[in-house]
Protein backbone atom coordinates (compact mmCIF):
# COMPACT_ATOMS: atom_id res chain seq x y z
CA MET A 1 23.00 14.00 -22.01
CA THR A 2 22.67 16.63 -24.72
CA VAL A 3 21.41 20.11 -23.88
CA GLU A 4 18.10 19.36 -25.70
CA GLU A 5 17.65 16.22 -23.67
CA ASN A 6 18.43 18.00 -20.41
CA ASN A 7 16.00 20.73 -21.26
CA ALA A 8 13.31 18.13 -21.96
CA VAL A 9 13.82 16.48 -18.61
CA SER A 10 13.64 19.90 -16.84
CA ARG A 11 10.39 20.86 -18.66
CA LYS A 12 8.77 17.50 -17.63
CA GLU A 13 9.81 17.96 -14.05
CA LEU A 14 8.36 21.61 -14.19
CA ASP A 15 5.13 20.23 -15.55
CA ARG A 16 5.08 17.72 -12.81
CA LEU A 17 5.63 20.35 -10.07
CA ARG A 18 3.00 22.66 -11.75
CA ALA A 19 0.43 19.95 -11.67
CA GLN A 20 1.23 19.27 -8.05
CA ALA A 21 0.91 22.92 -7.17
CA GLU A 22 -2.54 23.01 -8.70
CA LYS A 23 -3.65 20.26 -6.39
CA LEU A 24 -2.05 21.91 -3.36
CA PRO A 25 -5.25 23.70 -2.02
CA GLU A 26 -7.18 20.48 -2.21
CA MET A 27 -4.43 18.57 -0.41
CA GLU A 28 -4.29 21.31 2.30
CA ALA A 29 -8.05 21.07 2.81
CA ARG A 30 -7.98 17.34 3.11
CA LEU A 31 -5.07 17.51 5.63
CA LYS A 32 -6.96 20.01 7.77
CA GLN A 33 -10.03 17.64 7.66
CA LEU A 34 -7.87 14.72 8.74
CA ARG A 35 -6.23 16.70 11.53
CA ALA A 36 -9.62 17.65 12.92
CA SER A 37 -10.86 13.99 12.71
CA VAL A 38 -7.70 12.69 14.46
CA PRO A 39 -6.16 15.66 16.35
CA GLU A 40 -2.70 15.95 17.94
CA GLY A 41 -4.23 16.38 21.45
CA THR A 42 -7.32 14.73 23.20
CA ASP A 43 -9.19 18.13 22.86
CA VAL A 44 -12.07 16.84 24.96
CA PRO A 45 -13.73 20.31 25.38
CA GLY A 46 -13.88 20.53 21.51
CA PHE A 47 -15.47 17.14 21.31
CA ILE A 48 -17.98 17.98 23.98
CA ASP A 49 -18.88 21.14 21.95
CA GLU A 50 -19.52 18.95 18.99
CA ILE A 51 -21.69 16.58 21.01
CA ASP A 52 -23.84 19.44 22.09
CA ARG A 53 -24.17 20.87 18.75
CA VAL A 54 -25.19 17.61 16.97
CA ALA A 55 -27.50 16.79 20.05
CA SER A 56 -29.33 20.10 19.58
CA GLU A 57 -29.55 19.59 15.78
CA ALA A 58 -31.00 16.07 16.30
CA GLY A 59 -33.48 17.12 18.97
CA VAL A 60 -32.03 14.96 21.76
CA VAL A 61 -30.99 16.06 25.19
CA VAL A 62 -27.51 15.09 26.44
CA ALA A 63 -27.92 13.26 29.77
CA SER A 64 -24.25 12.53 30.31
CA TYR A 65 -20.88 12.16 28.66
CA THR A 66 -17.79 10.52 30.17
CA THR A 67 -14.29 10.07 28.83
CA SER A 68 -11.42 7.76 30.15
CA ASP A 69 -7.71 8.29 30.10
CA ALA A 70 -6.03 7.85 26.70
CA VAL A 71 -4.61 4.32 26.23
CA PRO A 72 -1.85 3.33 23.75
CA TYR A 73 -3.12 1.83 20.64
CA ALA A 74 -2.75 -1.90 20.21
CA PRO A 75 -2.73 -3.27 16.57
CA PRO A 76 -5.33 -5.95 16.08
CA ALA A 77 -3.92 -9.44 16.03
CA ALA A 78 -4.24 -11.65 12.96
CA VAL A 79 -6.84 -14.25 13.31
CA GLU A 80 -5.40 -17.79 13.12
CA PRO A 81 -7.27 -20.18 10.87
CA THR A 82 -9.24 -22.93 12.65
CA GLN A 83 -8.62 -26.33 11.62
CA SER A 84 -11.66 -28.58 11.19
CA THR A 85 -11.67 -31.99 12.42
CA GLU A 86 -12.63 -34.52 9.89
CA ASP A 87 -14.86 -37.42 10.62
CA THR A 88 -12.94 -40.59 9.40
CA THR A 89 -15.94 -42.80 9.82
CA PRO A 90 -17.53 -43.55 6.36
CA PRO A 91 -21.21 -42.45 6.22
CA SER A 92 -23.85 -45.17 6.19
CA THR A 93 -25.57 -43.54 3.19
CA PRO A 94 -24.12 -41.35 0.47
CA SER A 95 -24.44 -37.62 1.09
CA ALA A 96 -26.20 -35.50 -1.55
CA THR A 97 -24.62 -32.24 -0.38
CA ALA A 98 -21.13 -31.11 -0.32
CA PRO A 99 -19.55 -30.87 3.14
CA ALA A 100 -19.77 -27.28 4.54
CA THR A 101 -16.40 -25.40 4.72
CA ALA A 102 -15.73 -22.64 7.29
CA PRO A 103 -15.40 -19.21 5.76
CA ALA A 104 -11.92 -17.75 5.73
CA ALA A 105 -11.25 -15.01 8.27
CA PRO A 106 -10.61 -11.61 6.77
CA SER A 107 -7.04 -10.49 6.53
CA VAL A 108 -5.94 -7.74 9.10
CA THR A 109 -4.43 -4.62 7.48
CA THR A 110 -2.35 -2.31 9.61
CA ASP A 111 -0.12 0.60 8.99
CA PRO A 112 3.39 0.04 10.41
CA THR A 113 3.86 3.78 11.02
CA ILE A 114 0.89 3.80 13.42
CA THR A 115 2.16 2.42 16.72
CA SER A 116 1.52 2.57 20.39
CA GLY A 117 4.11 5.40 20.55
CA ASN A 118 2.12 7.84 18.36
CA PHE A 119 -1.60 6.72 18.35
CA SER A 120 -3.82 6.65 21.37
CA VAL A 121 -7.42 5.65 22.08
CA VAL A 122 -9.70 7.64 24.32
CA PRO A 123 -12.78 5.72 25.49
CA VAL A 124 -16.03 7.72 25.35
CA THR A 125 -19.49 7.12 26.58
CA VAL A 126 -22.40 9.49 25.66
CA ALA A 127 -25.94 9.26 26.86
CA VAL A 128 -28.86 11.13 25.38
CA ASP A 129 -32.62 11.35 25.87
CA GLY A 130 -34.88 11.18 22.80
CA SER A 131 -37.04 9.14 20.52
CA PHE A 132 -35.63 6.41 18.29
CA ASP A 133 -35.71 8.71 15.26
CA GLU A 134 -33.92 11.51 17.16
CA ALA A 135 -31.31 9.01 18.40
CA LEU A 136 -30.66 7.95 14.84
CA ARG A 137 -30.20 11.51 13.81
CA PHE A 138 -27.83 12.06 16.67
CA VAL A 139 -25.66 9.04 15.73
CA SER A 140 -25.68 10.11 11.97
CA GLY A 141 -24.54 13.54 12.97
CA LEU A 142 -21.78 12.19 15.16
CA GLN A 143 -20.55 9.79 12.55
CA SER A 144 -20.34 12.58 9.86
CA GLY A 145 -18.85 15.11 12.24
CA GLU A 146 -15.41 16.62 12.30
CA ARG A 147 -14.11 14.28 15.08
CA LEU A 148 -13.78 10.60 14.25
CA PHE A 149 -15.94 8.84 16.80
CA LEU A 150 -16.03 5.00 16.39
CA ILE A 151 -19.24 3.61 18.18
CA THR A 152 -18.84 0.09 19.34
CA ALA A 153 -21.70 -0.36 21.87
CA VAL A 154 -25.32 0.85 21.92
CA SER A 155 -28.01 0.39 24.65
CA SER A 156 -31.30 1.92 25.48
CA THR A 157 -33.67 2.40 28.40
CA GLN A 158 -37.31 3.38 27.88
CA GLN A 159 -38.43 6.12 30.22
CA SER A 160 -41.80 6.18 31.94
CA GLY A 161 -44.31 9.09 31.99
CA ASP A 162 -45.77 10.82 34.88
CA ASP A 163 -48.55 8.26 35.12
CA GLY A 164 -46.09 5.30 35.09
CA THR A 165 -46.76 4.19 31.53
CA ALA A 166 -44.04 4.02 28.93
CA SER A 167 -43.32 7.11 27.10
CA GLY A 168 -41.84 7.53 23.54
CA THR A 169 -38.52 8.88 25.07
CA SER A 170 -35.68 6.63 25.85
CA THR A 171 -32.27 7.08 27.25
CA TRP A 172 -29.74 6.06 24.52
CA THR A 173 -26.21 5.27 25.59
CA PHE A 174 -23.44 5.08 22.96
CA GLY A 175 -19.97 3.73 23.83
CA GLY A 176 -16.97 4.02 21.67
CA SER A 177 -13.56 5.77 21.02
CA VAL A 178 -11.86 8.79 19.72
CA TYR A 179 -8.39 8.96 18.68
CA VAL A 180 -5.19 10.98 19.00
CA LEU A 181 -2.11 11.06 16.70
CA ASP A 182 1.12 12.56 17.53
CA PRO A 183 2.77 13.26 14.21
CA SER A 184 6.05 14.09 15.77
CA ALA A 185 6.32 10.55 17.19
CA VAL A 186 5.45 8.73 13.74
CA GLY A 187 8.08 6.11 13.37
CA ALA A 188 9.91 7.07 16.47
CA GLY A 189 9.47 3.84 18.50
CA ASN A 190 6.84 2.41 20.84
CA THR A 191 7.20 4.76 23.85
CA PRO A 192 3.68 5.98 24.69
CA SER A 193 3.19 9.67 23.93
CA ASP A 194 1.69 12.31 26.30
CA THR A 195 -1.88 12.82 25.12
CA SER A 196 -3.04 14.80 28.20
CA ASP A 197 -2.98 18.04 26.31
CA ASP A 198 -6.48 19.09 25.81
CA SER A 199 -5.51 21.88 23.33
């Protein structure tokens, strides 16, 4: 390689590094957001503070919240295609419609670097008192909050007024999970990590 060619390669590499450096603040901000969404520790007190803040903004009253011990993440299993049984008996009359076919199951996409050794699931149940619209605002606030909270179950119980008639307030119970990622254990095997640190 000539001196001119070597200089051209060096200039190209410097341009690439300069372009990456310009994106560094944006990348650091995104990393900070992701770490808040899935922190290294369970940080239950921080999540409770977020629940209280969102509840206040939505106009609901927090009735209760519970968290269970973190459990190691289990990747979803691929859905095996079901084989349909075909009727070998010829129909008595020709059918005008094509036989229905079962829809194909969606493929399961997983990240091999996310394992039971570095990723944990913390079950959470939150109950709030409020109207339907207030409950919707509460859920919307949680879904757009700092901490990733996947809601998988919703139930409601209508409250009664002082005279025994139904009131416009209900108790809304939301069940789901928050998550913990130990970056030091990424790719380090499948030994469950200690997620008891609430810091």
